[in-house]
Amino acid sequence: MSATTMKQYGQFTAIMHREYERAVKKIREELSQGRTYDHACDTLNDISPEIRTFVKEDFLKIIIAEEHFGAGIDISDIAMFLELPYEKVQSARQTLLNDMARETECSLHLQGKKIN
């Protein structure tokens, strides 16, 4: 989990991390069975609401990273596959890019401190 994410959502405990990993696995399984994104997320009843909200937002960015940036699939196709509005997926894509820019900036800043 990135430093920016940790600051935004607070420190994840080991239990929270296990819940997160279990939730991501569950969403992947649901999507592989042809469920919509919202339906897959709705199955996360056995985890805390805090983790559920975080996973729902974060996993969409994971899909975008893997499928759009990794495999070259168009955002509109991802939105159609997940049965989400294009604008929601495009917004998550922009959030992901902003997160990556912040992480890069933070890493470069820390590296600069180590050199000096």
PDB file of N, CA and C in Angstrom:
ATOM      1  N   MET A   1       0.837  -1.165   0.000  1.00  0.00           N
ATOM      2  CA  MET A   1       0.000   0.000   0.000  1.00  0.00           C
ATOM      3  C   MET A   1       0.886   1.234   0.000  1.00  0.00           C
ATOM      4  N   SER A   2       0.531   2.217  -0.771  1.00  0.00           N
ATOM      5  CA  SER A   2       1.377   3.388  -0.938  1.00  0.00           C
ATOM      6  C   SER A   2       1.365   4.270   0.307  1.00  0.00           C
ATOM      7  N   ALA A   3       2.385   5.103   0.408  1.00  0.00           N
ATOM      8  CA  ALA A   3       2.483   6.021   1.541  1.00  0.00           C
ATOM      9  C   ALA A   3       1.337   7.020   1.526  1.00  0.00           C
ATOM     10  N   THR A   4       0.971   7.494   0.348  1.00  0.00           N
ATOM     11  CA  THR A   4      -0.142   8.434   0.232  1.00  0.00           C
ATOM     12  C   THR A   4      -1.426   7.799   0.719  1.00  0.00           C
ATOM     13  N   THR A   5      -1.655   6.556   0.324  1.00  0.00           N
ATOM     14  CA  THR A   5      -2.859   5.844   0.737  1.00  0.00           C
ATOM     15  C   THR A   5      -2.867   5.667   2.241  1.00  0.00           C
ATOM     16  N   MET A   6      -1.722   5.318   2.803  1.00  0.00           N
ATOM     17  CA  MET A   6      -1.633   5.115   4.245  1.00  0.00           C
ATOM     18  C   MET A   6      -1.977   6.408   4.981  1.00  0.00           C
ATOM     19  N   LYS A   7      -1.468   7.552   4.504  1.00  0.00           N
ATOM     20  CA  LYS A   7      -1.763   8.825   5.149  1.00  0.00           C
ATOM     21  C   LYS A   7      -3.246   9.152   5.032  1.00  0.00           C
ATOM     22  N   GLN A   8      -3.807   8.872   3.854  1.00  0.00           N
ATOM     23  CA  GLN A   8      -5.199   9.212   3.609  1.00  0.00           C
ATOM     24  C   GLN A   8      -6.139   8.381   4.469  1.00  0.00           C
ATOM     25  N   TYR A   9      -5.855   7.113   4.640  1.00  0.00           N
ATOM     26  CA  TYR A   9      -6.762   6.217   5.341  1.00  0.00           C
ATOM     27  C   TYR A   9      -6.243   5.791   6.705  1.00  0.00           C
ATOM     28  N   GLY A  10      -5.124   6.326   7.139  1.00  0.00           N
ATOM     29  CA  GLY A  10      -4.571   5.937   8.424  1.00  0.00           C
ATOM     30  C   GLY A  10      -3.780   4.646   8.304  1.00  0.00           C
ATOM     31  N   GLN A  11      -3.175   4.260   9.384  1.00  0.00           N
ATOM     32  CA  GLN A  11      -2.364   3.042   9.380  1.00  0.00           C
ATOM     33  C   GLN A  11      -3.249   1.808   9.317  1.00  0.00           C
ATOM     34  N   PHE A  12      -2.921   0.915   8.409  1.00  0.00           N
ATOM     35  CA  PHE A  12      -3.624  -0.360   8.318  1.00  0.00           C
ATOM     36  C   PHE A  12      -2.998  -1.317   9.312  1.00  0.00           C
ATOM     37  N   THR A  13      -3.813  -1.937  10.120  1.00  0.00           N
ATOM     38  CA  THR A  13      -3.321  -2.974  11.017  1.00  0.00           C
ATOM     39  C   THR A  13      -3.197  -4.266  10.220  1.00  0.00           C
ATOM     40  N   ALA A  14      -2.600  -5.270  10.818  1.00  0.00           N
ATOM     41  CA  ALA A  14      -2.478  -6.572  10.150  1.00  0.00           C
ATOM     42  C   ALA A  14      -3.860  -7.148   9.846  1.00  0.00           C
ATOM     43  N   ILE A  15      -4.792  -6.955  10.754  1.00  0.00           N
ATOM     44  CA  ILE A  15      -6.156  -7.457  10.545  1.00  0.00           C
ATOM     45  C   ILE A  15      -6.808  -6.730   9.373  1.00  0.00           C
ATOM     46  N   MET A  16      -6.649  -5.419   9.320  1.00  0.00           N
ATOM     47  CA  MET A  16      -7.220  -4.645   8.217  1.00  0.00           C
ATOM     48  C   MET A  16      -6.603  -5.069   6.889  1.00  0.00           C
ATOM     49  N   HIS A  17      -5.299  -5.321   6.899  1.00  0.00           N
ATOM     50  CA  HIS A  17      -4.624  -5.752   5.674  1.00  0.00           C
ATOM     51  C   HIS A  17      -5.182  -7.094   5.204  1.00  0.00           C
ATOM     52  N   ARG A  18      -5.414  -8.020   6.122  1.00  0.00           N
ATOM     53  CA  ARG A  18      -6.000  -9.324   5.756  1.00  0.00           C
ATOM     54  C   ARG A  18      -7.409  -9.146   5.200  1.00  0.00           C
ATOM     55  N   GLU A  19      -8.193  -8.269   5.822  1.00  0.00           N
ATOM     56  CA  GLU A  19      -9.537  -7.983   5.313  1.00  0.00           C
ATOM     57  C   GLU A  19      -9.467  -7.420   3.897  1.00  0.00           C
ATOM     58  N   TYR A  20      -8.536  -6.509   3.689  1.00  0.00           N
ATOM     59  CA  TYR A  20      -8.355  -5.896   2.370  1.00  0.00           C
ATOM     60  C   TYR A  20      -8.021  -6.963   1.330  1.00  0.00           C
ATOM     61  N   GLU A  21      -7.046  -7.801   1.632  1.00  0.00           N
ATOM     62  CA  GLU A  21      -6.636  -8.854   0.692  1.00  0.00           C
ATOM     63  C   GLU A  21      -7.780  -9.825   0.413  1.00  0.00           C
ATOM     64  N   ARG A  22      -8.516 -10.194   1.442  1.00  0.00           N
ATOM     65  CA  ARG A  22      -9.654 -11.098   1.269  1.00  0.00           C
ATOM     66  C   ARG A  22     -10.735 -10.445   0.400  1.00  0.00           C
ATOM     67  N   ALA A  23     -10.972  -9.167   0.601  1.00  0.00           N
ATOM     68  CA  ALA A  23     -11.981  -8.443  -0.174  1.00  0.00           C
ATOM     69  C   ALA A  23     -11.584  -8.332  -1.642  1.00  0.00           C
ATOM     70  N   VAL A  24     -10.322  -8.046  -1.902  1.00  0.00           N
ATOM     71  CA  VAL A  24      -9.845  -7.962  -3.290  1.00  0.00           C
ATOM     72  C   VAL A  24     -10.017  -9.307  -3.982  1.00  0.00           C
ATOM     73  N   LYS A  25      -9.663 -10.369  -3.291  1.00  0.00           N
ATOM     74  CA  LYS A  25      -9.823 -11.718  -3.856  1.00  0.00           C
ATOM     75  C   LYS A  25     -11.294 -12.001  -4.156  1.00  0.00           C
ATOM     76  N   LYS A  26     -12.168 -11.625  -3.233  1.00  0.00           N
ATOM     77  CA  LYS A  26     -13.608 -11.858  -3.403  1.00  0.00           C
ATOM     78  C   LYS A  26     -14.146 -11.089  -4.614  1.00  0.00           C
ATOM     79  N   ILE A  27     -13.752  -9.834  -4.773  1.00  0.00           N
ATOM     80  CA  ILE A  27     -14.215  -9.054  -5.926  1.00  0.00           C
ATOM     81  C   ILE A  27     -13.726  -9.690  -7.222  1.00  0.00           C
ATOM     82  N   ARG A  28     -12.467 -10.114  -7.250  1.00  0.00           N
ATOM     83  CA  ARG A  28     -11.943 -10.774  -8.459  1.00  0.00           C
ATOM     84  C   ARG A  28     -12.769 -12.014  -8.798  1.00  0.00           C
ATOM     85  N   GLU A  29     -13.086 -12.809  -7.787  1.00  0.00           N
ATOM     86  CA  GLU A  29     -13.888 -14.020  -8.010  1.00  0.00           C
ATOM     87  C   GLU A  29     -15.267 -13.667  -8.554  1.00  0.00           C
ATOM     88  N   GLU A  30     -15.899 -12.677  -7.964  1.00  0.00           N
ATOM     89  CA  GLU A  30     -17.233 -12.265  -8.405  1.00  0.00           C
ATOM     90  C   GLU A  30     -17.203 -11.753  -9.847  1.00  0.00           C
ATOM     91  N   LEU A  31     -16.209 -10.944 -10.180  1.00  0.00           N
ATOM     92  CA  LEU A  31     -16.099 -10.429 -11.547  1.00  0.00           C
ATOM     93  C   LEU A  31     -15.840 -11.554 -12.542  1.00  0.00           C
ATOM     94  N   SER A  32     -15.042 -12.532 -12.141  1.00  0.00           N
ATOM     95  CA  SER A  32     -14.750 -13.658 -13.043  1.00  0.00           C
ATOM     96  C   SER A  32     -15.991 -14.507 -13.301  1.00  0.00           C
ATOM     97  N   GLN A  33     -16.986 -14.397 -12.426  1.00  0.00           N
ATOM     98  CA  GLN A  33     -18.248 -15.113 -12.607  1.00  0.00           C
ATOM     99  C   GLN A  33     -19.283 -14.271 -13.356  1.00  0.00           C
ATOM    100  N   GLY A  34     -18.840 -13.121 -13.870  1.00  0.00           N
ATOM    101  CA  GLY A  34     -19.723 -12.289 -14.681  1.00  0.00           C
ATOM    102  C   GLY A  34     -20.554 -11.279 -13.919  1.00  0.00           C
ATOM    103  N   ARG A  35     -20.277 -11.087 -12.643  1.00  0.00           N
ATOM    104  CA  ARG A  35     -21.026 -10.115 -11.850  1.00  0.00           C
ATOM    105  C   ARG A  35     -20.611  -8.696 -12.238  1.00  0.00           C
ATOM    106  N   THR A  36     -21.489  -7.745 -12.003  1.00  0.00           N
ATOM    107  CA  THR A  36     -21.138  -6.346 -12.218  1.00  0.00           C
ATOM    108  C   THR A  36     -20.217  -5.897 -11.083  1.00  0.00           C
ATOM    109  N   TYR A  37     -19.573  -4.758 -11.277  1.00  0.00           N
ATOM    110  CA  TYR A  37     -18.681  -4.237 -10.248  1.00  0.00           C
ATOM    111  C   TYR A  37     -19.451  -3.948  -8.958  1.00  0.00           C
ATOM    112  N   ASP A  38     -20.577  -3.275  -9.088  1.00  0.00           N
ATOM    113  CA  ASP A  38     -21.365  -2.945  -7.893  1.00  0.00           C
ATOM    114  C   ASP A  38     -21.846  -4.201  -7.181  1.00  0.00           C
ATOM    115  N   HIS A  39     -22.289  -5.198  -7.944  1.00  0.00           N
ATOM    116  CA  HIS A  39     -22.736  -6.448  -7.317  1.00  0.00           C
ATOM    117  C   HIS A  39     -21.566  -7.129  -6.602  1.00  0.00           C
ATOM    118  N   ALA A  40     -20.403  -7.158  -7.253  1.00  0.00           N
ATOM    119  CA  ALA A  40     -19.222  -7.775  -6.636  1.00  0.00           C
ATOM    120  C   ALA A  40     -18.882  -7.070  -5.324  1.00  0.00           C
ATOM    121  N   CYS A  41     -18.947  -5.753  -5.321  1.00  0.00           N
ATOM    122  CA  CYS A  41     -18.651  -4.991  -4.099  1.00  0.00           C
ATOM    123  C   CYS A  41     -19.719  -5.195  -3.028  1.00  0.00           C
ATOM    124  N   ASP A  42     -20.956  -5.385  -3.461  1.00  0.00           N
ATOM    125  CA  ASP A  42     -22.043  -5.603  -2.500  1.00  0.00           C
ATOM    126  C   ASP A  42     -21.906  -6.919  -1.743  1.00  0.00           C
ATOM    127  N   THR A  43     -21.102  -7.843  -2.243  1.00  0.00           N
ATOM    128  CA  THR A  43     -20.920  -9.129  -1.559  1.00  0.00           C
ATOM    129  C   THR A  43     -19.944  -9.034  -0.388  1.00  0.00           C
ATOM    130  N   LEU A  44     -19.336  -7.887  -0.195  1.00  0.00           N
ATOM    131  CA  LEU A  44     -18.341  -7.713   0.868  1.00  0.00           C
ATOM    132  C   LEU A  44     -19.019  -7.401   2.199  1.00  0.00           C
ATOM    133  N   ASN A  45     -19.848  -8.309   2.660  1.00  0.00           N
ATOM    134  CA  ASN A  45     -20.602  -8.095   3.897  1.00  0.00           C
ATOM    135  C   ASN A  45     -19.826  -8.472   5.146  1.00  0.00           C
ATOM    136  N   ASP A  46     -18.782  -9.256   4.993  1.00  0.00           N
ATOM    137  CA  ASP A  46     -18.075  -9.788   6.156  1.00  0.00           C
ATOM    138  C   ASP A  46     -16.849  -8.970   6.553  1.00  0.00           C
ATOM    139  N   ILE A  47     -16.733  -7.749   6.020  1.00  0.00           N
ATOM    140  CA  ILE A  47     -15.606  -6.892   6.402  1.00  0.00           C
ATOM    141  C   ILE A  47     -16.144  -5.570   6.933  1.00  0.00           C
ATOM    142  N   SER A  48     -15.284  -4.839   7.608  1.00  0.00           N
ATOM    143  CA  SER A  48     -15.703  -3.577   8.213  1.00  0.00           C
ATOM    144  C   SER A  48     -16.098  -2.569   7.128  1.00  0.00           C
ATOM    145  N   PRO A  49     -17.042  -1.694   7.446  1.00  0.00           N
ATOM    146  CA  PRO A  49     -17.463  -0.679   6.468  1.00  0.00           C
ATOM    147  C   PRO A  49     -16.304   0.195   5.993  1.00  0.00           C
ATOM    148  N   GLU A  50     -15.363   0.494   6.896  1.00  0.00           N
ATOM    149  CA  GLU A  50     -14.201   1.308   6.533  1.00  0.00           C
ATOM    150  C   GLU A  50     -13.393   0.631   5.430  1.00  0.00           C
ATOM    151  N   ILE A  51     -13.107  -0.644   5.598  1.00  0.00           N
ATOM    152  CA  ILE A  51     -12.334  -1.387   4.603  1.00  0.00           C
ATOM    153  C   ILE A  51     -13.155  -1.551   3.325  1.00  0.00           C
ATOM    154  N   ARG A  52     -14.438  -1.818   3.457  1.00  0.00           N
ATOM    155  CA  ARG A  52     -15.308  -2.012   2.287  1.00  0.00           C
ATOM    156  C   ARG A  52     -15.282  -0.774   1.387  1.00  0.00           C
ATOM    157  N   THR A  53     -15.427   0.400   1.978  1.00  0.00           N
ATOM    158  CA  THR A  53     -15.406   1.646   1.209  1.00  0.00           C
ATOM    159  C   THR A  53     -14.056   1.837   0.531  1.00  0.00           C
ATOM    160  N   PHE A  54     -12.990   1.607   1.284  1.00  0.00           N
ATOM    161  CA  PHE A  54     -11.652   1.756   0.724  1.00  0.00           C
ATOM    162  C   PHE A  54     -11.423   0.784  -0.433  1.00  0.00           C
ATOM    163  N   VAL A  55     -11.797  -0.483  -0.252  1.00  0.00           N
ATOM    164  CA  VAL A  55     -11.593  -1.503  -1.284  1.00  0.00           C
ATOM    165  C   VAL A  55     -12.379  -1.152  -2.539  1.00  0.00           C
ATOM    166  N   LYS A  56     -13.598  -0.710  -2.361  1.00  0.00           N
ATOM    167  CA  LYS A  56     -14.443  -0.370  -3.511  1.00  0.00           C
ATOM    168  C   LYS A  56     -13.780   0.702  -4.370  1.00  0.00           C
ATOM    169  N   GLU A  57     -13.195   1.710  -3.742  1.00  0.00           N
ATOM    170  CA  GLU A  57     -12.504   2.777  -4.471  1.00  0.00           C
ATOM    171  C   GLU A  57     -11.165   2.293  -5.021  1.00  0.00           C
ATOM    172  N   ASP A  58     -10.420   1.585  -4.200  1.00  0.00           N
ATOM    173  CA  ASP A  58      -9.072   1.170  -4.568  1.00  0.00           C
ATOM    174  C   ASP A  58      -9.069   0.105  -5.660  1.00  0.00           C
ATOM    175  N   PHE A  59      -9.986  -0.850  -5.589  1.00  0.00           N
ATOM    176  CA  PHE A  59      -9.975  -1.935  -6.564  1.00  0.00           C
ATOM    177  C   PHE A  59     -10.297  -1.431  -7.963  1.00  0.00           C
ATOM    178  N   LEU A  60     -11.120  -0.410  -8.076  1.00  0.00           N
ATOM    179  CA  LEU A  60     -11.382   0.164  -9.394  1.00  0.00           C
ATOM    180  C   LEU A  60     -10.080   0.704  -9.989  1.00  0.00           C
ATOM    181  N   LYS A  61      -9.255   1.328  -9.157  1.00  0.00           N
ATOM    182  CA  LYS A  61      -7.956   1.818  -9.638  1.00  0.00           C
ATOM    183  C   LYS A  61      -7.033   0.653  -9.994  1.00  0.00           C
ATOM    184  N   ILE A  62      -7.122  -0.444  -9.259  1.00  0.00           N
ATOM    185  CA  ILE A  62      -6.327  -1.639  -9.581  1.00  0.00           C
ATOM    186  C   ILE A  62      -6.711  -2.165 -10.956  1.00  0.00           C
ATOM    187  N   ILE A  63      -8.009  -2.263 -11.214  1.00  0.00           N
ATOM    188  CA  ILE A  63      -8.492  -2.737 -12.522  1.00  0.00           C
ATOM    189  C   ILE A  63      -7.978  -1.824 -13.631  1.00  0.00           C
ATOM    190  N   ILE A  64      -8.053  -0.528 -13.417  1.00  0.00           N
ATOM    191  CA  ILE A  64      -7.590   0.430 -14.424  1.00  0.00           C
ATOM    192  C   ILE A  64      -6.095   0.264 -14.660  1.00  0.00           C
ATOM    193  N   ALA A  65      -5.325   0.115 -13.594  1.00  0.00           N
ATOM    194  CA  ALA A  65      -3.878  -0.073 -13.743  1.00  0.00           C
ATOM    195  C   ALA A  65      -3.572  -1.341 -14.528  1.00  0.00           C
ATOM    196  N   GLU A  66      -4.244  -2.425 -14.188  1.00  0.00           N
ATOM    197  CA  GLU A  66      -3.982  -3.708 -14.854  1.00  0.00           C
ATOM    198  C   GLU A  66      -4.488  -3.734 -16.288  1.00  0.00           C
ATOM    199  N   GLU A  67      -5.736  -3.331 -16.468  1.00  0.00           N
ATOM    200  CA  GLU A  67      -6.379  -3.505 -17.768  1.00  0.00           C
ATOM    201  C   GLU A  67      -6.139  -2.349 -18.735  1.00  0.00           C
ATOM    202  N   HIS A  68      -6.161  -1.123 -18.249  1.00  0.00           N
ATOM    203  CA  HIS A  68      -5.967   0.025 -19.136  1.00  0.00           C
ATOM    204  C   HIS A  68      -4.481   0.274 -19.389  1.00  0.00           C
ATOM    205  N   PHE A  69      -3.742   0.493 -18.315  1.00  0.00           N
ATOM    206  CA  PHE A  69      -2.323   0.793 -18.480  1.00  0.00           C
ATOM    207  C   PHE A  69      -1.505  -0.454 -18.786  1.00  0.00           C
ATOM    208  N   GLY A  70      -1.868  -1.587 -18.189  1.00  0.00           N
ATOM    209  CA  GLY A  70      -1.118  -2.820 -18.409  1.00  0.00           C
ATOM    210  C   GLY A  70      -1.446  -3.525 -19.704  1.00  0.00           C
ATOM    211  N   ALA A  71      -2.732  -3.641 -20.008  1.00  0.00           N
ATOM    212  CA  ALA A  71      -3.153  -4.417 -21.180  1.00  0.00           C
ATOM    213  C   ALA A  71      -3.644  -3.549 -22.336  1.00  0.00           C
ATOM    214  N   GLY A  72      -3.751  -2.244 -22.130  1.00  0.00           N
ATOM    215  CA  GLY A  72      -4.147  -1.346 -23.211  1.00  0.00           C
ATOM    216  C   GLY A  72      -5.632  -1.328 -23.531  1.00  0.00           C
ATOM    217  N   ILE A  73      -6.460  -1.804 -22.619  1.00  0.00           N
ATOM    218  CA  ILE A  73      -7.906  -1.811 -22.849  1.00  0.00           C
ATOM    219  C   ILE A  73      -8.452  -0.404 -22.603  1.00  0.00           C
ATOM    220  N   ASP A  74      -9.296   0.050 -23.501  1.00  0.00           N
ATOM    221  CA  ASP A  74      -9.860   1.393 -23.424  1.00  0.00           C
ATOM    222  C   ASP A  74     -10.750   1.543 -22.187  1.00  0.00           C
ATOM    223  N   ILE A  75     -10.742   2.735 -21.625  1.00  0.00           N
ATOM    224  CA  ILE A  75     -11.554   3.034 -20.441  1.00  0.00           C
ATOM    225  C   ILE A  75     -13.032   2.751 -20.701  1.00  0.00           C
ATOM    226  N   SER A  76     -13.512   3.066 -21.890  1.00  0.00           N
ATOM    227  CA  SER A  76     -14.930   2.823 -22.190  1.00  0.00           C
ATOM    228  C   SER A  76     -15.255   1.334 -22.165  1.00  0.00           C
ATOM    229  N   ASP A  77     -14.316   0.495 -22.596  1.00  0.00           N
ATOM    230  CA  ASP A  77     -14.533  -0.955 -22.547  1.00  0.00           C
ATOM    231  C   ASP A  77     -14.525  -1.471 -21.111  1.00  0.00           C
ATOM    232  N   ILE A  78     -13.663  -0.901 -20.286  1.00  0.00           N
ATOM    233  CA  ILE A  78     -13.627  -1.285 -18.872  1.00  0.00           C
ATOM    234  C   ILE A  78     -14.948  -0.896 -18.209  1.00  0.00           C
ATOM    235  N   ALA A  79     -15.419   0.308 -18.495  1.00  0.00           N
ATOM    236  CA  ALA A  79     -16.695   0.762 -17.932  1.00  0.00           C
ATOM    237  C   ALA A  79     -17.831  -0.162 -18.360  1.00  0.00           C
ATOM    238  N   MET A  80     -17.826  -0.557 -19.623  1.00  0.00           N
ATOM    239  CA  MET A  80     -18.881  -1.441 -20.115  1.00  0.00           C
ATOM    240  C   MET A  80     -18.801  -2.808 -19.437  1.00  0.00           C
ATOM    241  N   PHE A  81     -17.599  -3.362 -19.318  1.00  0.00           N
ATOM    242  CA  PHE A  81     -17.417  -4.665 -18.675  1.00  0.00           C
ATOM    243  C   PHE A  81     -17.890  -4.645 -17.222  1.00  0.00           C
ATOM    244  N   LEU A  82     -17.555  -3.581 -16.515  1.00  0.00           N
ATOM    245  CA  LEU A  82     -17.909  -3.470 -15.094  1.00  0.00           C
ATOM    246  C   LEU A  82     -19.337  -2.970 -14.883  1.00  0.00           C
ATOM    247  N   GLU A  83     -19.964  -2.519 -15.971  1.00  0.00           N
ATOM    248  CA  GLU A  83     -21.302  -1.916 -15.924  1.00  0.00           C
ATOM    249  C   GLU A  83     -21.328  -0.707 -14.997  1.00  0.00           C
ATOM    250  N   LEU A  84     -20.324   0.157 -15.203  1.00  0.00           N
ATOM    251  CA  LEU A  84     -20.218   1.413 -14.472  1.00  0.00           C
ATOM    252  C   LEU A  84     -20.290   2.563 -15.468  1.00  0.00           C
ATOM    253  N   PRO A  85     -20.736   3.738 -15.032  1.00  0.00           N
ATOM    254  CA  PRO A  85     -20.724   4.895 -15.926  1.00  0.00           C
ATOM    255  C   PRO A  85     -19.290   5.223 -16.355  1.00  0.00           C
ATOM    256  N   TYR A  86     -19.141   5.593 -17.616  1.00  0.00           N
ATOM    257  CA  TYR A  86     -17.828   5.953 -18.147  1.00  0.00           C
ATOM    258  C   TYR A  86     -17.179   7.021 -17.269  1.00  0.00           C
ATOM    259  N   GLU A  87     -17.952   8.017 -16.868  1.00  0.00           N
ATOM    260  CA  GLU A  87     -17.420   9.131 -16.084  1.00  0.00           C
ATOM    261  C   GLU A  87     -16.808   8.656 -14.767  1.00  0.00           C
ATOM    262  N   LYS A  88     -17.420   7.654 -14.155  1.00  0.00           N
ATOM    263  CA  LYS A  88     -16.895   7.126 -12.890  1.00  0.00           C
ATOM    264  C   LYS A  88     -15.541   6.456 -13.110  1.00  0.00           C
ATOM    265  N   VAL A  89     -15.423   5.677 -14.176  1.00  0.00           N
ATOM    266  CA  VAL A  89     -14.168   4.980 -14.462  1.00  0.00           C
ATOM    267  C   VAL A  89     -13.103   5.993 -14.884  1.00  0.00           C
ATOM    268  N   GLN A  90     -13.479   6.972 -15.684  1.00  0.00           N
ATOM    269  CA  GLN A  90     -12.537   8.011 -16.100  1.00  0.00           C
ATOM    270  C   GLN A  90     -12.059   8.813 -14.894  1.00  0.00           C
ATOM    271  N   SER A  91     -12.955   9.110 -13.972  1.00  0.00           N
ATOM    272  CA  SER A  91     -12.586   9.836 -12.757  1.00  0.00           C
ATOM    273  C   SER A  91     -11.612   9.011 -11.909  1.00  0.00           C
ATOM    274  N   ALA A  92     -11.869   7.712 -11.794  1.00  0.00           N
ATOM    275  CA  ALA A  92     -10.961   6.835 -11.043  1.00  0.00           C
ATOM    276  C   ALA A  92      -9.595   6.772 -11.719  1.00  0.00           C
ATOM    277  N   ARG A  93      -9.586   6.788 -13.059  1.00  0.00           N
ATOM    278  CA  ARG A  93      -8.321   6.805 -13.807  1.00  0.00           C
ATOM    279  C   ARG A  93      -7.531   8.070 -13.464  1.00  0.00           C
ATOM    280  N   GLN A  94      -8.218   9.209 -13.444  1.00  0.00           N
ATOM    281  CA  GLN A  94      -7.554  10.467 -13.128  1.00  0.00           C
ATOM    282  C   GLN A  94      -7.046  10.471 -11.688  1.00  0.00           C
ATOM    283  N   THR A  95      -7.824   9.927 -10.778  1.00  0.00           N
ATOM    284  CA  THR A  95      -7.398   9.818  -9.382  1.00  0.00           C
ATOM    285  C   THR A  95      -6.152   8.951  -9.271  1.00  0.00           C
ATOM    286  N   LEU A  96      -6.129   7.848 -10.016  1.00  0.00           N
ATOM    287  CA  LEU A  96      -4.958   6.970 -10.026  1.00  0.00           C
ATOM    288  C   LEU A  96      -3.730   7.724 -10.519  1.00  0.00           C
ATOM    289  N   LEU A  97      -3.870   8.474 -11.605  1.00  0.00           N
ATOM    290  CA  LEU A  97      -2.744   9.251 -12.126  1.00  0.00           C
ATOM    291  C   LEU A  97      -2.276  10.287 -11.108  1.00  0.00           C
ATOM    292  N   ASN A  98      -3.213  10.939 -10.436  1.00  0.00           N
ATOM    293  CA  ASN A  98      -2.853  11.915  -9.398  1.00  0.00           C
ATOM    294  C   ASN A  98      -2.132  11.240  -8.232  1.00  0.00           C
ATOM    295  N   ASP A  99      -2.616  10.062  -7.831  1.00  0.00           N
ATOM    296  CA  ASP A  99      -1.958   9.300  -6.764  1.00  0.00           C
ATOM    297  C   ASP A  99      -0.528   8.948  -7.154  1.00  0.00           C
ATOM    298  N   MET A 100      -0.360   8.515  -8.397  1.00  0.00           N
ATOM    299  CA  MET A 100       0.973   8.130  -8.875  1.00  0.00           C
ATOM    300  C   MET A 100       1.901   9.340  -8.912  1.00  0.00           C
ATOM    301  N   ALA A 101       1.393  10.484  -9.339  1.00  0.00           N
ATOM    302  CA  ALA A 101       2.207  11.700  -9.379  1.00  0.00           C
ATOM    303  C   ALA A 101       2.628  12.109  -7.970  1.00  0.00           C
ATOM    304  N   ARG A 102       1.689  12.031  -7.022  1.00  0.00           N
ATOM    305  CA  ARG A 102       2.007  12.363  -5.625  1.00  0.00           C
ATOM    306  C   ARG A 102       3.054  11.417  -5.054  1.00  0.00           C
ATOM    307  N   GLU A 103       2.901  10.122  -5.340  1.00  0.00           N
ATOM    308  CA  GLU A 103       3.870   9.126  -4.862  1.00  0.00           C
ATOM    309  C   GLU A 103       5.257   9.406  -5.428  1.00  0.00           C
ATOM    310  N   THR A 104       5.309   9.715  -6.713  1.00  0.00           N
ATOM    311  CA  THR A 104       6.586  10.005  -7.360  1.00  0.00           C
ATOM    312  C   THR A 104       7.225  11.233  -6.734  1.00  0.00           C
ATOM    313  N   GLU A 105       6.432  12.272  -6.549  1.00  0.00           N
ATOM    314  CA  GLU A 105       6.930  13.499  -5.938  1.00  0.00           C
ATOM    315  C   GLU A 105       7.453  13.239  -4.526  1.00  0.00           C
ATOM    316  N   CYS A 106       6.721  12.467  -3.761  1.00  0.00           N
ATOM    317  CA  CYS A 106       7.122  12.135  -2.394  1.00  0.00           C
ATOM    318  C   CYS A 106       8.422  11.332  -2.393  1.00  0.00           C
ATOM    319  N   SER A 107       8.510  10.353  -3.287  1.00  0.00           N
ATOM    320  CA  SER A 107       9.720   9.527  -3.370  1.00  0.00           C
ATOM    321  C   SER A 107      10.929  10.356  -3.768  1.00  0.00           C
ATOM    322  N   LEU A 108      10.747  11.239  -4.742  1.00  0.00           N
ATOM    323  CA  LEU A 108      11.856  12.092  -5.171  1.00  0.00           C
ATOM    324  C   LEU A 108      12.281  13.030  -4.050  1.00  0.00           C
ATOM    325  N   HIS A 109      11.321  13.533  -3.311  1.00  0.00           N
ATOM    326  CA  HIS A 109      11.624  14.415  -2.185  1.00  0.00           C
ATOM    327  C   HIS A 109      12.429  13.662  -1.122  1.00  0.00           C
ATOM    328  N   LEU A 110      12.010  12.434  -0.814  1.00  0.00           N
ATOM    329  CA  LEU A 110      12.728  11.629   0.177  1.00  0.00           C
ATOM    330  C   LEU A 110      14.127  11.275  -0.308  1.00  0.00           C
ATOM    331  N   GLN A 111      14.260  10.964  -1.595  1.00  0.00           N
ATOM    332  CA  GLN A 111      15.580  10.646  -2.146  1.00  0.00           C
ATOM    333  C   GLN A 111      16.493  11.856  -2.075  1.00  0.00           C
ATOM    334  N   GLY A 112      15.943  13.036  -2.321  1.00  0.00           N
ATOM    335  CA  GLY A 112      16.726  14.265  -2.233  1.00  0.00           C
ATOM    336  C   GLY A 112      17.231  14.504  -0.827  1.00  0.00           C
ATOM    337  N   LYS A 113      16.423  14.187   0.166  1.00  0.00           N
ATOM    338  CA  LYS A 113      16.841  14.340   1.562  1.00  0.00           C
ATOM    339  C   LYS A 113      17.964  13.373   1.903  1.00  0.00           C
ATOM    340  N   LYS A 114      17.912  12.154   1.354  1.00  0.00           N
ATOM    341  CA  LYS A 114      18.940  11.154   1.645  1.00  0.00           C
ATOM    342  C   LYS A 114      20.274  11.540   1.018  1.00  0.00           C
ATOM    343  N   ILE A 115      20.227  12.170  -0.151  1.00  0.00           N
ATOM    344  CA  ILE A 115      21.457  12.562  -0.849  1.00  0.00           C
ATOM    345  C   ILE A 115      22.122  13.723  -0.137  1.00  0.00           C
ATOM    346  N   ASN A 116      21.330  14.672   0.334  1.00  0.00           N
ATOM    347  CA  ASN A 116      21.874  15.859   0.997  1.00  0.00           C
ATOM    348  C   ASN A 116      22.239  15.489   2.368  1.00  0.00           C
TER     349      ASN A 116
END
